Amino acid sequence: MTLTGITPILRIFDEKKAKQFYVEFLEFTLDWEHRFEPGMPLYMQISRDEIVLHLSEHHGDCSPGAALRIAVSGVEDLQKTLIGKNYPYARPGIERTPWETKECTVTDPFGNKLIFFE
């Protein structure tokens, strides 16, 4: 047996806010969307480079408030790009940790934390 990957599922509550944050602000690509029928909760996949995330409005899929650590080369460049977008709900900084990483943390509109680290 070999483990070959992981796809985190993050809880969302508002399609427009999710797309504004993940697609416009963080520059993920919307890969696909699924609803069992019109008016049902949205389930979608987004990706950027090698990172794939699933976002779900389905109540039983997961709880809000998750934290993901995402390795990145060029975390300071990422942070400068994000600050330059003037997104009204996040102004992330760079933190130098005691374990000798540089981290840029952003929290989505649903309480999920993405920690980009180098």
N, C-alpha and C. Protein backbone atom coordinates (compact mmCIF):
# COMPACT_ATOMS: atom_id res chain seq x y z
N MET A 1 0.84 -1.19 0.00
CA MET A 1 0.00 0.00 0.00
C MET A 1 0.88 1.25 0.00
N THR A 2 0.47 2.25 -0.76
CA THR A 2 1.16 3.53 -0.82
C THR A 2 0.15 4.66 -0.76
N LEU A 3 0.36 5.60 0.14
CA LEU A 3 -0.48 6.80 0.19
C LEU A 3 0.03 7.76 -0.87
N THR A 4 -0.88 8.32 -1.66
CA THR A 4 -0.42 9.12 -2.80
C THR A 4 -0.89 10.57 -2.81
N GLY A 5 -1.65 11.00 -1.85
CA GLY A 5 -2.07 12.40 -1.84
C GLY A 5 -3.16 12.64 -0.82
N ILE A 6 -3.51 13.89 -0.69
CA ILE A 6 -4.55 14.28 0.24
C ILE A 6 -5.33 15.45 -0.37
N THR A 7 -6.64 15.47 -0.17
CA THR A 7 -7.46 16.58 -0.62
C THR A 7 -8.30 17.06 0.56
N PRO A 8 -7.88 18.14 1.23
CA PRO A 8 -8.66 18.67 2.34
C PRO A 8 -10.01 19.21 1.85
N ILE A 9 -11.02 19.07 2.70
CA ILE A 9 -12.34 19.64 2.45
C ILE A 9 -12.55 20.74 3.47
N LEU A 10 -12.87 21.94 3.01
CA LEU A 10 -13.13 23.07 3.88
C LEU A 10 -14.59 23.47 3.78
N ARG A 11 -15.18 23.79 4.91
CA ARG A 11 -16.59 24.18 4.97
C ARG A 11 -16.72 25.62 4.55
N ILE A 12 -17.69 25.89 3.68
CA ILE A 12 -18.03 27.25 3.26
C ILE A 12 -19.52 27.46 3.44
N PHE A 13 -19.94 28.71 3.49
CA PHE A 13 -21.35 29.03 3.69
C PHE A 13 -21.92 29.95 2.64
N ASP A 14 -21.08 30.51 1.78
CA ASP A 14 -21.54 31.50 0.81
C ASP A 14 -20.67 31.38 -0.44
N GLU A 15 -21.29 30.98 -1.53
CA GLU A 15 -20.56 30.75 -2.79
C GLU A 15 -19.83 32.01 -3.26
N LYS A 16 -20.50 33.15 -3.23
CA LYS A 16 -19.90 34.39 -3.72
C LYS A 16 -18.67 34.76 -2.89
N LYS A 17 -18.78 34.69 -1.57
CA LYS A 17 -17.65 35.02 -0.70
C LYS A 17 -16.51 34.02 -0.88
N ALA A 18 -16.84 32.75 -1.05
CA ALA A 18 -15.81 31.72 -1.25
C ALA A 18 -15.03 31.99 -2.53
N LYS A 19 -15.73 32.30 -3.61
CA LYS A 19 -15.05 32.57 -4.88
C LYS A 19 -14.24 33.86 -4.81
N GLN A 20 -14.77 34.86 -4.14
CA GLN A 20 -14.03 36.12 -3.99
C GLN A 20 -12.72 35.87 -3.24
N PHE A 21 -12.77 35.08 -2.18
CA PHE A 21 -11.58 34.82 -1.38
C PHE A 21 -10.60 33.88 -2.09
N TYR A 22 -11.08 32.72 -2.49
CA TYR A 22 -10.17 31.69 -3.02
C TYR A 22 -9.75 31.94 -4.47
N VAL A 23 -10.66 32.38 -5.31
CA VAL A 23 -10.34 32.55 -6.73
C VAL A 23 -9.75 33.94 -7.00
N GLU A 24 -10.42 34.98 -6.52
CA GLU A 24 -9.94 36.33 -6.80
C GLU A 24 -8.75 36.72 -5.93
N PHE A 25 -8.86 36.52 -4.62
CA PHE A 25 -7.81 36.97 -3.70
C PHE A 25 -6.60 36.03 -3.70
N LEU A 26 -6.82 34.73 -3.50
CA LEU A 26 -5.70 33.79 -3.42
C LEU A 26 -5.28 33.22 -4.77
N GLU A 27 -6.02 33.51 -5.82
CA GLU A 27 -5.69 33.11 -7.19
C GLU A 27 -5.70 31.60 -7.42
N PHE A 28 -6.59 30.90 -6.74
CA PHE A 28 -6.83 29.50 -7.06
C PHE A 28 -7.69 29.46 -8.32
N THR A 29 -7.62 28.36 -9.03
CA THR A 29 -8.45 28.14 -10.22
C THR A 29 -9.66 27.31 -9.81
N LEU A 30 -10.83 27.70 -10.27
CA LEU A 30 -12.02 26.89 -10.05
C LEU A 30 -12.01 25.76 -11.06
N ASP A 31 -11.83 24.53 -10.59
CA ASP A 31 -11.73 23.36 -11.46
C ASP A 31 -13.10 22.82 -11.86
N TRP A 32 -13.99 22.68 -10.89
CA TRP A 32 -15.33 22.20 -11.17
C TRP A 32 -16.24 22.49 -9.98
N GLU A 33 -17.56 22.46 -10.27
CA GLU A 33 -18.61 22.65 -9.27
C GLU A 33 -19.63 21.52 -9.40
N HIS A 34 -20.26 21.17 -8.28
CA HIS A 34 -21.30 20.14 -8.33
C HIS A 34 -22.42 20.49 -7.35
N ARG A 35 -23.64 20.33 -7.81
CA ARG A 35 -24.85 20.38 -6.97
C ARG A 35 -25.70 19.21 -7.41
N PHE A 36 -26.32 18.55 -6.46
CA PHE A 36 -27.19 17.43 -6.82
C PHE A 36 -28.38 17.89 -7.63
N GLU A 37 -28.83 19.12 -7.37
CA GLU A 37 -29.90 19.75 -8.15
C GLU A 37 -29.91 21.23 -7.79
N PRO A 38 -30.56 22.07 -8.59
CA PRO A 38 -30.60 23.50 -8.28
C PRO A 38 -31.11 23.75 -6.87
N GLY A 39 -30.48 24.71 -6.20
CA GLY A 39 -30.88 25.05 -4.84
C GLY A 39 -30.22 24.20 -3.78
N MET A 40 -29.51 23.15 -4.17
CA MET A 40 -28.82 22.30 -3.20
C MET A 40 -27.44 22.89 -2.89
N PRO A 41 -26.81 22.44 -1.80
CA PRO A 41 -25.49 22.96 -1.44
C PRO A 41 -24.45 22.71 -2.54
N LEU A 42 -23.50 23.62 -2.61
CA LEU A 42 -22.42 23.56 -3.58
C LEU A 42 -21.24 22.75 -3.04
N TYR A 43 -20.63 21.99 -3.92
CA TYR A 43 -19.37 21.29 -3.64
C TYR A 43 -18.47 21.61 -4.82
N MET A 44 -17.25 22.12 -4.57
CA MET A 44 -16.40 22.49 -5.69
C MET A 44 -14.94 22.18 -5.40
N GLN A 45 -14.19 22.09 -6.48
CA GLN A 45 -12.75 21.88 -6.37
C GLN A 45 -12.03 23.10 -6.91
N ILE A 46 -11.00 23.53 -6.15
CA ILE A 46 -10.13 24.61 -6.59
C ILE A 46 -8.69 24.10 -6.52
N SER A 47 -7.81 24.74 -7.30
CA SER A 47 -6.41 24.33 -7.26
C SER A 47 -5.52 25.51 -7.60
N ARG A 48 -4.30 25.39 -7.14
CA ARG A 48 -3.24 26.34 -7.49
C ARG A 48 -1.93 25.58 -7.39
N ASP A 49 -1.22 25.53 -8.50
CA ASP A 49 0.02 24.76 -8.59
C ASP A 49 -0.28 23.32 -8.17
N GLU A 50 0.36 22.80 -7.14
CA GLU A 50 0.15 21.41 -6.74
C GLU A 50 -0.89 21.25 -5.64
N ILE A 51 -1.50 22.35 -5.20
CA ILE A 51 -2.46 22.31 -4.09
C ILE A 51 -3.87 22.17 -4.64
N VAL A 52 -4.59 21.17 -4.14
CA VAL A 52 -6.00 20.94 -4.52
C VAL A 52 -6.82 20.97 -3.24
N LEU A 53 -7.88 21.76 -3.24
CA LEU A 53 -8.80 21.86 -2.11
C LEU A 53 -10.22 21.63 -2.59
N HIS A 54 -11.02 21.03 -1.73
CA HIS A 54 -12.45 20.93 -1.97
C HIS A 54 -13.14 21.87 -0.98
N LEU A 55 -14.14 22.59 -1.48
CA LEU A 55 -14.93 23.51 -0.66
C LEU A 55 -16.36 23.02 -0.69
N SER A 56 -16.97 22.93 0.49
CA SER A 56 -18.30 22.33 0.57
C SER A 56 -19.26 23.15 1.42
N GLU A 57 -20.47 23.32 0.88
CA GLU A 57 -21.57 23.91 1.66
C GLU A 57 -22.36 22.82 2.40
N HIS A 58 -22.05 21.57 2.17
CA HIS A 58 -22.78 20.46 2.79
C HIS A 58 -22.50 20.40 4.29
N HIS A 59 -23.55 20.38 5.08
CA HIS A 59 -23.45 20.42 6.54
C HIS A 59 -22.59 19.30 7.11
N GLY A 60 -22.74 18.10 6.66
CA GLY A 60 -22.06 16.96 7.27
C GLY A 60 -20.64 16.70 6.78
N ASP A 61 -20.16 17.47 5.81
CA ASP A 61 -18.83 17.18 5.25
C ASP A 61 -17.68 17.54 6.19
N CYS A 62 -17.79 18.63 6.89
CA CYS A 62 -16.71 19.08 7.76
C CYS A 62 -17.20 20.25 8.59
N SER A 63 -16.37 20.69 9.51
CA SER A 63 -16.72 21.83 10.36
C SER A 63 -15.87 23.03 10.00
N PRO A 64 -16.41 24.22 10.15
CA PRO A 64 -15.58 25.41 9.91
C PRO A 64 -14.50 25.51 10.99
N GLY A 65 -13.47 26.26 10.69
CA GLY A 65 -12.43 26.48 11.68
C GLY A 65 -11.21 25.59 11.49
N ALA A 66 -11.07 24.97 10.33
CA ALA A 66 -9.91 24.13 10.05
C ALA A 66 -8.68 25.01 9.85
N ALA A 67 -7.50 24.39 9.95
CA ALA A 67 -6.25 25.07 9.66
C ALA A 67 -5.43 24.18 8.74
N LEU A 68 -4.92 24.78 7.66
CA LEU A 68 -4.08 24.06 6.71
C LEU A 68 -2.72 24.74 6.66
N ARG A 69 -1.67 23.95 6.62
CA ARG A 69 -0.32 24.47 6.40
C ARG A 69 0.06 24.14 4.97
N ILE A 70 0.41 25.16 4.21
CA ILE A 70 0.72 25.00 2.80
C ILE A 70 2.14 25.50 2.56
N ALA A 71 3.02 24.58 2.16
CA ALA A 71 4.41 24.96 1.86
C ALA A 71 4.44 25.78 0.59
N VAL A 72 5.26 26.83 0.60
CA VAL A 72 5.37 27.72 -0.55
C VAL A 72 6.82 28.20 -0.65
N SER A 73 7.29 28.32 -1.86
CA SER A 73 8.57 29.00 -2.05
C SER A 73 8.26 30.44 -2.44
N GLY A 74 8.85 31.37 -1.74
CA GLY A 74 8.55 32.78 -2.01
C GLY A 74 7.39 33.30 -1.19
N VAL A 75 7.34 32.98 0.09
CA VAL A 75 6.21 33.41 0.92
C VAL A 75 6.15 34.93 1.03
N GLU A 76 7.29 35.60 1.01
CA GLU A 76 7.26 37.07 1.08
C GLU A 76 6.67 37.66 -0.20
N ASP A 77 6.95 37.06 -1.35
CA ASP A 77 6.34 37.51 -2.60
C ASP A 77 4.83 37.30 -2.57
N LEU A 78 4.40 36.16 -2.06
CA LEU A 78 2.96 35.88 -1.93
C LEU A 78 2.31 36.94 -1.06
N GLN A 79 2.91 37.23 0.08
CA GLN A 79 2.34 38.21 1.01
C GLN A 79 2.24 39.59 0.35
N LYS A 80 3.26 40.00 -0.38
CA LYS A 80 3.24 41.30 -1.06
C LYS A 80 2.13 41.34 -2.11
N THR A 81 1.97 40.24 -2.84
CA THR A 81 0.90 40.17 -3.84
C THR A 81 -0.47 40.31 -3.18
N LEU A 82 -0.66 39.59 -2.07
CA LEU A 82 -1.95 39.65 -1.37
C LEU A 82 -2.23 41.05 -0.83
N ILE A 83 -1.23 41.68 -0.23
CA ILE A 83 -1.41 43.04 0.29
C ILE A 83 -1.76 44.00 -0.84
N GLY A 84 -1.14 43.81 -1.99
CA GLY A 84 -1.39 44.68 -3.14
C GLY A 84 -2.78 44.58 -3.72
N LYS A 85 -3.51 43.54 -3.38
CA LYS A 85 -4.87 43.38 -3.91
C LYS A 85 -5.89 44.22 -3.15
N ASN A 86 -5.51 44.75 -1.99
CA ASN A 86 -6.41 45.56 -1.17
C ASN A 86 -7.72 44.84 -0.86
N TYR A 87 -7.64 43.54 -0.60
CA TYR A 87 -8.82 42.77 -0.19
C TYR A 87 -9.29 43.33 1.15
N PRO A 88 -10.55 43.72 1.27
CA PRO A 88 -10.97 44.45 2.47
C PRO A 88 -10.99 43.63 3.76
N TYR A 89 -10.92 42.31 3.67
CA TYR A 89 -11.10 41.48 4.87
C TYR A 89 -9.82 40.79 5.33
N ALA A 90 -8.69 41.07 4.70
CA ALA A 90 -7.43 40.44 5.13
C ALA A 90 -6.26 41.30 4.72
N ARG A 91 -5.36 41.53 5.65
CA ARG A 91 -4.11 42.24 5.41
C ARG A 91 -3.01 41.40 6.04
N PRO A 92 -2.68 40.25 5.44
CA PRO A 92 -1.75 39.33 6.09
C PRO A 92 -0.33 39.87 6.17
N GLY A 93 0.33 39.51 7.25
CA GLY A 93 1.72 39.87 7.44
C GLY A 93 2.60 38.64 7.32
N ILE A 94 3.85 38.81 7.67
CA ILE A 94 4.82 37.70 7.71
C ILE A 94 5.23 37.52 9.17
N GLU A 95 5.19 36.29 9.62
CA GLU A 95 5.64 35.97 10.98
C GLU A 95 6.87 35.06 10.88
N ARG A 96 7.88 35.38 11.64
CA ARG A 96 9.05 34.50 11.76
C ARG A 96 8.84 33.70 13.04
N THR A 97 8.79 32.39 12.90
CA THR A 97 8.45 31.53 14.02
C THR A 97 9.69 31.05 14.78
N PRO A 98 9.50 30.61 16.03
CA PRO A 98 10.61 30.04 16.80
C PRO A 98 11.19 28.77 16.15
N TRP A 99 10.41 28.09 15.31
CA TRP A 99 10.89 26.88 14.63
C TRP A 99 11.49 27.22 13.26
N GLU A 100 11.80 28.52 13.08
CA GLU A 100 12.57 29.03 11.95
C GLU A 100 11.87 28.89 10.59
N THR A 101 10.59 29.21 10.57
CA THR A 101 9.88 29.34 9.30
C THR A 101 9.38 30.77 9.18
N LYS A 102 9.09 31.17 7.96
CA LYS A 102 8.39 32.42 7.69
C LYS A 102 6.98 32.03 7.29
N GLU A 103 5.98 32.65 7.90
CA GLU A 103 4.59 32.26 7.67
C GLU A 103 3.72 33.47 7.37
N CYS A 104 2.79 33.25 6.45
CA CYS A 104 1.78 34.24 6.08
C CYS A 104 0.43 33.55 6.26
N THR A 105 -0.34 34.00 7.24
CA THR A 105 -1.61 33.36 7.57
C THR A 105 -2.77 34.22 7.10
N VAL A 106 -3.72 33.57 6.42
CA VAL A 106 -4.96 34.23 6.04
C VAL A 106 -6.12 33.37 6.51
N THR A 107 -7.18 34.02 6.92
CA THR A 107 -8.38 33.33 7.37
C THR A 107 -9.50 33.62 6.40
N ASP A 108 -10.15 32.56 5.92
CA ASP A 108 -11.23 32.75 4.95
C ASP A 108 -12.48 33.28 5.65
N PRO A 109 -13.51 33.68 4.90
CA PRO A 109 -14.72 34.24 5.51
C PRO A 109 -15.50 33.25 6.39
N PHE A 110 -15.06 32.01 6.45
CA PHE A 110 -15.79 30.97 7.18
C PHE A 110 -15.01 30.46 8.38
N GLY A 111 -13.90 31.10 8.70
CA GLY A 111 -13.11 30.74 9.87
C GLY A 111 -12.01 29.73 9.62
N ASN A 112 -11.81 29.30 8.37
CA ASN A 112 -10.73 28.37 8.05
C ASN A 112 -9.44 29.16 7.87
N LYS A 113 -8.35 28.64 8.43
CA LYS A 113 -7.06 29.33 8.39
C LYS A 113 -6.13 28.63 7.42
N LEU A 114 -5.53 29.38 6.50
CA LEU A 114 -4.52 28.87 5.59
C LEU A 114 -3.19 29.51 5.98
N ILE A 115 -2.24 28.67 6.35
CA ILE A 115 -0.93 29.13 6.79
C ILE A 115 0.07 28.78 5.70
N PHE A 116 0.51 29.77 4.95
CA PHE A 116 1.51 29.58 3.91
C PHE A 116 2.87 29.74 4.58
N PHE A 117 3.73 28.73 4.44
CA PHE A 117 5.00 28.78 5.15
C PHE A 117 6.17 28.41 4.25
N GLU A 118 7.33 28.94 4.64
CA GLU A 118 8.57 28.65 3.94
C GLU A 118 9.64 28.39 4.97
